[in-house]
């Protein structure tokens, strides 16, 4: 069995199926699930830790503002949920082989990898932004209360980055191609 036909020959149905649905295709789907969860959780962890440092530091000066200033920590935690959603959708979309024949196409695997990267990297970027803004913002708003609304608006726009990644990831997970 050759992997490529000679000039003038066409691929048989079996060769075409092997080209479109190689045994390695599920690897890309599982990698998409992994990177969605890993990178989104990295962003969530960084955002939570960095914001938490700011809340703790601010809490020493004004302990009555701690609960009001916990917003960045919650917003950072939501990013991990975005990654979990995409990872579960992708993992459930990876079809196991039936009778030794792959049922999952390269196209679907690449789409799932792209979905995981879109969601995971957007979540990581959003987590970094939320952490930096949350740390500086809660400290600043403890000193000047008029800064609180501005901080919340900046956090909302940072969270929107992660939400964009989730939306694109959801769209990409719906892109599939059959093996037949």
Protein backbone atom coordinates (compact mmCIF):
# COMPACT_ATOMS: atom_id res chain seq x y z
CA UNK A 1 0.00 0.00 0.00
CA UNK A 2 1.46 3.37 -1.04
CA UNK A 3 0.73 6.60 0.77
CA UNK A 4 0.62 8.66 -2.46
CA UNK A 5 -0.53 7.60 -5.90
CA UNK A 6 1.58 7.87 -9.04
CA UNK A 7 0.73 10.47 -11.67
CA UNK A 8 -2.56 9.57 -13.34
CA UNK A 9 -3.67 7.25 -10.49
CA UNK A 10 -6.36 8.11 -7.99
CA UNK A 11 -6.62 7.16 -4.35
CA UNK A 12 -8.76 4.17 -3.45
CA UNK A 13 -11.59 4.63 -0.94
CA UNK A 14 -9.49 2.94 1.76
CA UNK A 15 -6.47 5.15 1.05
CA UNK A 16 -8.71 8.24 1.09
CA UNK A 17 -10.15 7.20 4.45
CA UNK A 18 -6.64 6.70 5.85
CA UNK A 19 -5.62 10.15 4.57
CA UNK A 20 -8.66 11.94 6.04
CA UNK A 21 -8.87 9.93 9.26
CA UNK A 22 -5.40 8.84 10.34
CA UNK A 23 -4.86 7.05 13.63
CA UNK A 24 -3.11 10.18 14.94
CA UNK A 25 -6.19 12.45 14.51
CA UNK A 26 -7.57 11.94 18.07
CA UNK A 27 -4.24 13.19 19.44
CA UNK A 28 -5.06 16.70 18.19
CA UNK A 29 -8.51 16.61 19.74
CA UNK A 30 -7.17 15.50 23.11
CA UNK A 31 -4.45 18.15 22.91
CA UNK A 32 -7.17 20.74 22.31
CA UNK A 33 -8.98 19.61 25.45
CA UNK A 34 -5.75 19.67 27.45
CA UNK A 35 -4.55 23.10 26.33
CA UNK A 36 -7.99 24.64 26.92
CA UNK A 37 -7.98 23.48 30.51
CA UNK A 38 -4.27 24.03 31.20
CA UNK A 39 -3.94 27.54 29.82
CA UNK A 40 -7.30 28.76 31.14
CA UNK A 41 -6.39 27.46 34.59
CA UNK A 42 -2.96 29.07 34.40
CA UNK A 43 -4.68 32.40 33.73
CA UNK A 44 -7.23 31.79 36.47
CA UNK A 45 -4.54 30.83 38.98
CA UNK A 46 -2.35 33.83 38.15
CA UNK A 47 -5.31 36.23 38.26
CA UNK A 48 -6.52 34.80 41.56
CA UNK A 49 -3.08 34.88 43.17
CA UNK A 50 -2.13 38.36 41.97
CA UNK A 51 -5.53 39.83 42.87
CA UNK A 52 -5.49 38.00 46.19
CA UNK A 53 -2.19 39.62 47.09
CA UNK A 54 -3.73 43.04 46.41
CA UNK A 55 -6.83 42.22 48.45
CA UNK A 56 -4.71 40.96 51.35
CA UNK A 57 -2.47 44.00 51.27
CA UNK A 58 -5.44 46.35 51.09
CA UNK A 59 -7.22 44.41 53.85
CA UNK A 60 -4.48 45.31 56.32
CA UNK A 61 -5.23 49.01 55.82
CA UNK A 62 -9.04 48.80 55.41
CA UNK A 63 -10.47 45.42 56.45
CA UNK A 64 -14.05 46.62 55.91
CA UNK A 65 -13.42 46.76 52.12
CA UNK A 66 -12.22 43.15 51.70
CA UNK A 67 -15.56 41.70 50.57
CA UNK A 68 -16.15 44.60 48.19
CA UNK A 69 -12.70 44.06 46.69
CA UNK A 70 -13.02 40.32 46.10
CA UNK A 71 -14.47 40.86 42.58
CA UNK A 72 -11.15 40.34 40.71
CA UNK A 73 -10.61 37.01 42.46
CA UNK A 74 -14.06 35.77 41.41
CA UNK A 75 -13.63 37.03 37.84
CA UNK A 76 -10.28 35.25 37.54
CA UNK A 77 -11.80 32.00 38.80
CA UNK A 78 -14.48 32.08 36.11
CA UNK A 79 -11.77 31.80 33.45
CA UNK A 80 -10.97 28.28 34.60
CA UNK A 81 -14.62 27.34 34.08
CA UNK A 82 -14.41 28.56 30.46
CA UNK A 83 -11.52 26.17 29.86
CA UNK A 84 -13.39 23.34 31.55
CA UNK A 85 -16.44 23.86 29.34
CA UNK A 86 -14.41 23.65 26.14
CA UNK A 87 -12.33 20.71 27.40
CA UNK A 88 -15.46 18.68 28.23
CA UNK A 89 -17.08 19.45 24.87
CA UNK A 90 -13.92 18.46 22.99
CA UNK A 91 -13.29 15.32 25.04
CA UNK A 92 -16.85 14.16 24.39
CA UNK A 93 -16.41 14.85 20.67
CA UNK A 94 -13.37 12.62 20.20
CA UNK A 95 -14.66 9.37 18.74
CA UNK A 96 -12.85 6.13 19.65
CA UNK A 97 -11.79 3.70 16.91
CA UNK A 98 -14.32 1.06 15.92
CA UNK A 99 -12.90 -2.27 14.83
CA UNK A 100 -9.43 -0.74 14.54
CA UNK A 101 -10.67 1.98 12.17
CA UNK A 102 -10.38 5.62 13.20
CA UNK A 103 -13.74 7.40 13.31
CA UNK A 104 -12.30 10.86 13.99
CA UNK A 105 -11.06 13.00 11.10
CA UNK A 106 -7.98 15.20 10.92
CA UNK A 107 -10.23 18.17 10.18
CA UNK A 108 -12.16 17.63 13.41
CA UNK A 109 -8.93 17.12 15.36
CA UNK A 110 -7.44 20.35 14.05
CA UNK A 111 -10.70 22.22 14.75
CA UNK A 112 -10.71 20.90 18.30
CA UNK A 113 -7.06 21.85 18.79
CA UNK A 114 -7.82 25.36 17.51
CA UNK A 115 -10.81 25.59 19.87
CA UNK A 116 -8.68 24.60 22.84
CA UNK A 117 -5.94 27.04 21.94
CA UNK A 118 -8.41 29.89 21.37
CA UNK A 119 -10.12 29.39 24.70
CA UNK A 120 -7.02 28.51 26.71
CA UNK A 121 -4.74 31.28 25.50
CA UNK A 122 -7.53 33.88 25.72
CA UNK A 123 -8.21 32.73 29.26
CA UNK A 124 -4.55 32.99 30.16
CA UNK A 125 -4.30 36.53 28.73
CA UNK A 126 -7.47 37.57 30.53
CA UNK A 127 -6.18 36.10 33.79
CA UNK A 128 -2.94 38.04 33.53
CA UNK A 129 -4.88 41.26 32.86
CA UNK A 130 -7.32 40.61 35.71
CA UNK A 131 -4.48 39.84 38.10
CA UNK A 132 -2.54 43.00 37.34
CA UNK A 133 -5.60 45.27 37.33
CA UNK A 134 -7.08 43.54 40.38
CA UNK A 135 -3.91 43.91 42.42
CA UNK A 136 -3.33 47.57 41.62
CA UNK A 137 -7.04 48.41 41.46
CA UNK A 138 -8.07 47.20 44.91
CA UNK A 139 -5.10 48.92 46.50
CA UNK A 140 -5.88 52.16 44.67
CA UNK A 141 -9.61 52.04 45.37
CA UNK A 142 -8.86 51.63 49.08
CA UNK A 143 -7.02 54.95 48.92
CA UNK A 144 -9.49 56.70 46.57
CA UNK A 145 -13.01 55.26 46.44
CA UNK A 146 -13.81 57.01 43.15
CA UNK A 147 -11.46 54.57 41.38
CA UNK A 148 -13.61 51.54 42.19
CA UNK A 149 -16.02 51.89 39.24
CA UNK A 150 -13.12 52.39 36.82
CA UNK A 151 -11.41 49.28 38.17
CA UNK A 152 -14.57 47.20 37.72
CA UNK A 153 -14.98 48.43 34.13
CA UNK A 154 -11.39 47.50 33.30
CA UNK A 155 -11.94 44.07 34.87
CA UNK A 156 -15.07 43.57 32.77
CA UNK A 157 -13.16 44.31 29.58
CA UNK A 158 -10.38 41.94 30.65
CA UNK A 159 -12.95 39.21 31.35
CA UNK A 160 -14.45 39.84 27.91
CA UNK A 161 -11.16 38.64 26.39
CA UNK A 162 -11.67 35.26 27.98
CA UNK A 163 -15.33 35.24 26.96
CA UNK A 164 -14.33 35.90 23.34
CA UNK A 165 -12.03 32.88 23.49
CA UNK A 166 -14.88 30.77 24.87
CA UNK A 167 -17.25 31.87 22.11
CA UNK A 168 -14.72 31.19 19.35
CA UNK A 169 -13.90 27.86 20.99
CA UNK A 170 -17.57 26.88 21.02
CA UNK A 171 -17.90 27.76 17.34
CA UNK A 172 -14.77 25.78 16.45
CA UNK A 173 -15.92 22.69 18.38
CA UNK A 174 -18.96 22.51 16.14
CA UNK A 175 -16.77 22.21 13.02
CA UNK A 176 -16.54 18.51 12.21
CA UNK A 177 -15.99 16.34 9.17
CA UNK A 178 -17.03 12.68 8.89
CA UNK A 179 -14.59 9.93 8.04
CA UNK A 180 -16.76 8.29 5.39
